[in-house]
Amino acid sequence: MSDDTPFTGADFVLGESAGEHALASAPDAADASLALVRQARHSVRMFTRHMDAALYSTTAFADALSAFARRSRWTEVRILVQDPTPAVREHHRLLPLIQSLTSHIRVRRVGADWADEVSALLLADARGVLYRPYGDRYDGSVDFAAGPRALELRKWFDEVWENSLPEPEFRRLSL
């Protein structure tokens, strides 16, 4: 994929389409995020600075995450956020989902050891990885069959999760 060709997630299959593909813009990253969530079957894990409204506060993404979370009682969404303030202030589209699907969507504020982490990621079923080395930018990469890298990032995510606290800011709002 060349740098001037927009990413289109429709051409990739989670767990099968191996290879890292460049993401050059917010629309590329949004398309890749949406494709990963639409294809996930078991888990979605997100590490985000402030809930990345350009990616995650769209109707399409909220609908896809809602459908994923409601698919089975075994599905799970875990979101690690560094600063929830912008999401709360801007009435992020995921907030009603977070509040209504508490057994499927859990949010924690990143622990102090990772508060300065600059990257952002989305993991789908420990197979697909969307990785942005700088969470305040949208360029990065996506791999729908990341293999060992996906497992390594999931292990890192789970360690951060275990050392982070539930984020009550999203639960107590009445939107």
Protein backbone atom coordinates (compact mmCIF):
# COMPACT_ATOMS: atom_id res chain seq x y z
CA MET A 1 0.00 0.00 0.00
CA SER A 2 1.52 3.31 -1.00
CA ASP A 3 1.48 6.32 1.29
CA ASP A 4 -0.87 8.25 -1.01
CA THR A 5 -3.48 5.47 -1.26
CA PRO A 6 -6.20 5.78 1.38
CA PHE A 7 -6.72 2.74 3.58
CA THR A 8 -9.91 0.82 2.97
CA GLY A 9 -10.69 -1.76 5.62
CA ALA A 10 -13.19 -3.60 3.44
CA ASP A 11 -10.35 -5.50 1.77
CA PHE A 12 -9.01 -7.13 4.95
CA VAL A 13 -10.09 -10.12 7.05
CA LEU A 14 -9.32 -10.33 10.78
CA GLY A 15 -6.98 -13.22 11.51
CA GLU A 16 -6.22 -13.84 7.83
CA SER A 17 -4.96 -10.68 6.10
CA ALA A 18 -1.40 -10.54 7.42
CA GLY A 19 0.91 -7.64 6.83
CA GLU A 20 1.27 -4.17 8.23
CA HIS A 21 -0.51 -1.43 6.28
CA ALA A 22 0.25 2.26 6.68
CA LEU A 23 -2.34 4.70 7.96
CA ALA A 24 -1.73 8.29 6.96
CA SER A 25 -4.74 10.23 8.24
CA ALA A 26 -7.70 10.34 10.62
CA PRO A 27 -10.05 8.88 7.97
CA ASP A 28 -7.59 5.99 7.39
CA ALA A 29 -7.36 5.28 11.13
CA ALA A 30 -11.15 5.59 11.55
CA ASP A 31 -11.76 3.14 8.70
CA ALA A 32 -9.25 0.65 10.11
CA SER A 33 -10.72 0.94 13.63
CA LEU A 34 -14.21 0.38 12.31
CA ALA A 35 -13.13 -2.64 10.23
CA LEU A 36 -11.40 -4.23 13.23
CA VAL A 37 -14.39 -3.78 15.56
CA ARG A 38 -16.87 -5.01 12.95
CA GLN A 39 -14.87 -8.22 12.56
CA ALA A 40 -14.00 -8.82 16.23
CA ARG A 41 -15.75 -11.78 17.86
CA HIS A 42 -14.41 -11.95 21.43
CA SER A 43 -12.58 -8.85 22.64
CA VAL A 44 -11.75 -5.26 21.81
CA ARG A 45 -9.06 -3.45 23.77
CA MET A 46 -8.32 0.25 23.34
CA PHE A 47 -5.51 2.32 24.81
CA THR A 48 -6.29 5.95 24.17
CA ARG A 49 -5.23 9.35 25.33
CA HIS A 50 -8.69 10.96 25.49
CA MET A 51 -11.07 8.65 23.60
CA ASP A 52 -9.99 9.98 20.15
CA ALA A 53 -13.27 11.56 19.02
CA ALA A 54 -12.25 11.55 15.34
CA LEU A 55 -12.00 7.76 15.49
CA TYR A 56 -14.35 6.58 18.20
CA SER A 57 -17.08 9.22 18.50
CA THR A 58 -18.73 8.53 15.17
CA THR A 59 -22.15 6.97 14.71
CA ALA A 60 -20.66 4.13 12.66
CA PHE A 61 -18.08 3.23 15.31
CA ALA A 62 -20.57 3.51 18.20
CA ASP A 63 -23.03 1.29 16.31
CA ALA A 64 -20.32 -1.28 15.53
CA LEU A 65 -19.08 -1.35 19.13
CA SER A 66 -22.65 -1.65 20.40
CA ALA A 67 -23.36 -4.56 18.04
CA PHE A 68 -20.10 -6.22 19.10
CA ALA A 69 -20.79 -5.81 22.83
CA ARG A 70 -24.35 -7.15 22.49
CA ARG A 71 -23.37 -10.14 20.30
CA SER A 72 -22.73 -12.51 23.18
CA ARG A 73 -22.51 -12.53 26.93
CA TRP A 74 -18.84 -13.45 26.46
CA THR A 75 -17.81 -10.37 24.46
CA GLU A 76 -15.69 -7.83 26.25
CA VAL A 77 -14.53 -4.27 25.60
CA ARG A 78 -11.78 -2.80 27.75
CA ILE A 79 -10.81 0.83 27.34
CA LEU A 80 -7.80 2.41 29.00
CA VAL A 81 -7.94 6.20 28.90
CA GLN A 82 -5.31 8.66 30.04
CA ASP A 83 -7.57 11.74 30.31
CA PRO A 84 -11.36 11.33 30.20
CA THR A 85 -12.09 15.08 30.47
CA PRO A 86 -12.39 15.85 26.71
CA ALA A 87 -14.71 12.88 26.16
CA VAL A 88 -16.99 13.95 29.01
CA ARG A 89 -16.94 17.62 28.01
CA GLU A 90 -17.72 16.85 24.35
CA HIS A 91 -20.43 14.22 25.09
CA HIS A 92 -18.54 11.44 23.33
CA ARG A 93 -20.83 9.00 21.49
CA LEU A 94 -19.46 6.02 23.43
CA LEU A 95 -20.53 7.41 26.81
CA PRO A 96 -24.14 6.15 26.62
CA LEU A 97 -22.82 2.70 25.62
CA ILE A 98 -20.34 2.67 28.47
CA GLN A 99 -23.14 3.58 30.87
CA SER A 100 -25.69 1.10 29.56
CA LEU A 101 -23.48 -1.92 28.81
CA THR A 102 -21.53 -2.04 32.06
CA SER A 103 -21.07 -5.81 31.99
CA HIS A 104 -19.53 -5.71 28.50
CA ILE A 105 -17.72 -2.35 28.33
CA ARG A 106 -15.30 -1.42 31.07
CA VAL A 107 -13.16 1.68 31.31
CA ARG A 108 -10.15 2.37 33.48
CA ARG A 109 -7.96 5.40 33.89
CA VAL A 110 -4.36 4.57 33.09
CA GLY A 111 -2.16 4.07 36.14
CA ALA A 112 0.60 6.53 36.98
CA ASP A 113 3.33 4.33 35.48
CA TRP A 114 1.75 4.70 32.03
CA ALA A 115 0.31 8.22 32.27
CA ASP A 116 3.02 9.55 29.94
CA GLU A 117 2.71 6.80 27.31
CA VAL A 118 2.48 8.54 23.93
CA SER A 119 1.20 5.69 21.75
CA ALA A 120 -2.38 4.58 21.13
CA LEU A 121 -3.72 1.21 20.04
CA LEU A 122 -6.76 -0.89 19.34
CA LEU A 123 -6.61 -4.69 19.58
CA ALA A 124 -9.28 -6.96 18.12
CA ASP A 125 -9.37 -10.56 19.35
CA ALA A 126 -5.60 -10.53 20.03
CA ARG A 127 -5.19 -10.82 16.25
CA GLY A 128 -5.73 -7.39 14.76
CA VAL A 129 -3.70 -4.37 15.80
CA LEU A 130 -4.12 -0.71 15.00
CA TYR A 131 -1.05 1.06 16.36
CA ARG A 132 -0.30 4.79 16.38
CA PRO A 133 3.12 5.63 17.78
CA TYR A 134 1.87 9.09 18.76
CA GLY A 135 -1.67 9.06 20.13
CA ASP A 136 -2.20 12.72 19.32
CA ARG A 137 -1.67 11.98 15.61
CA TYR A 138 -3.47 9.59 13.28
CA ASP A 139 -0.64 8.13 11.26
CA GLY A 140 0.34 4.62 12.18
CA SER A 141 -0.32 1.10 10.99
CA VAL A 142 -2.87 -1.69 11.03
CA ASP A 143 -2.35 -5.43 10.75
CA PHE A 144 -5.36 -7.76 10.65
CA ALA A 145 -3.26 -10.85 11.46
CA ALA A 146 -0.49 -9.48 13.66
CA GLY A 147 0.39 -12.81 15.28
CA PRO A 148 3.08 -12.54 17.99
CA ARG A 149 2.96 -8.72 17.95
CA ALA A 150 -0.76 -8.79 18.80
CA LEU A 151 -0.12 -11.20 21.66
CA GLU A 152 2.74 -9.06 22.96
CA LEU A 153 0.60 -5.90 22.87
CA ARG A 154 -2.30 -7.69 24.55
CA LYS A 155 0.02 -8.85 27.34
CA TRP A 156 1.23 -5.24 27.76
CA PHE A 157 -2.36 -3.94 27.71
CA ASP A 158 -3.46 -6.48 30.32
CA GLU A 159 -0.58 -5.49 32.61
CA VAL A 160 -1.56 -1.81 32.32
CA TRP A 161 -5.22 -2.76 32.89
CA GLU A 162 -4.41 -4.63 36.09
CA ASN A 163 -2.50 -1.63 37.39
CA SER A 164 -5.15 0.97 36.53
CA LEU A 165 -8.29 2.09 38.32
CA PRO A 166 -11.93 2.09 37.19
CA GLU A 167 -12.91 5.43 35.67
CA PRO A 168 -16.02 6.63 37.53
CA GLU A 169 -16.27 9.82 35.44
CA PHE A 170 -18.06 7.91 32.66
CA ARG A 171 -20.46 6.05 34.93
CA ARG A 172 -22.01 8.84 36.95
CA LEU A 173 -23.04 11.17 34.14
CA SER A 174 -26.65 11.52 33.22
CA LEU A 175 -26.67 12.26 29.53
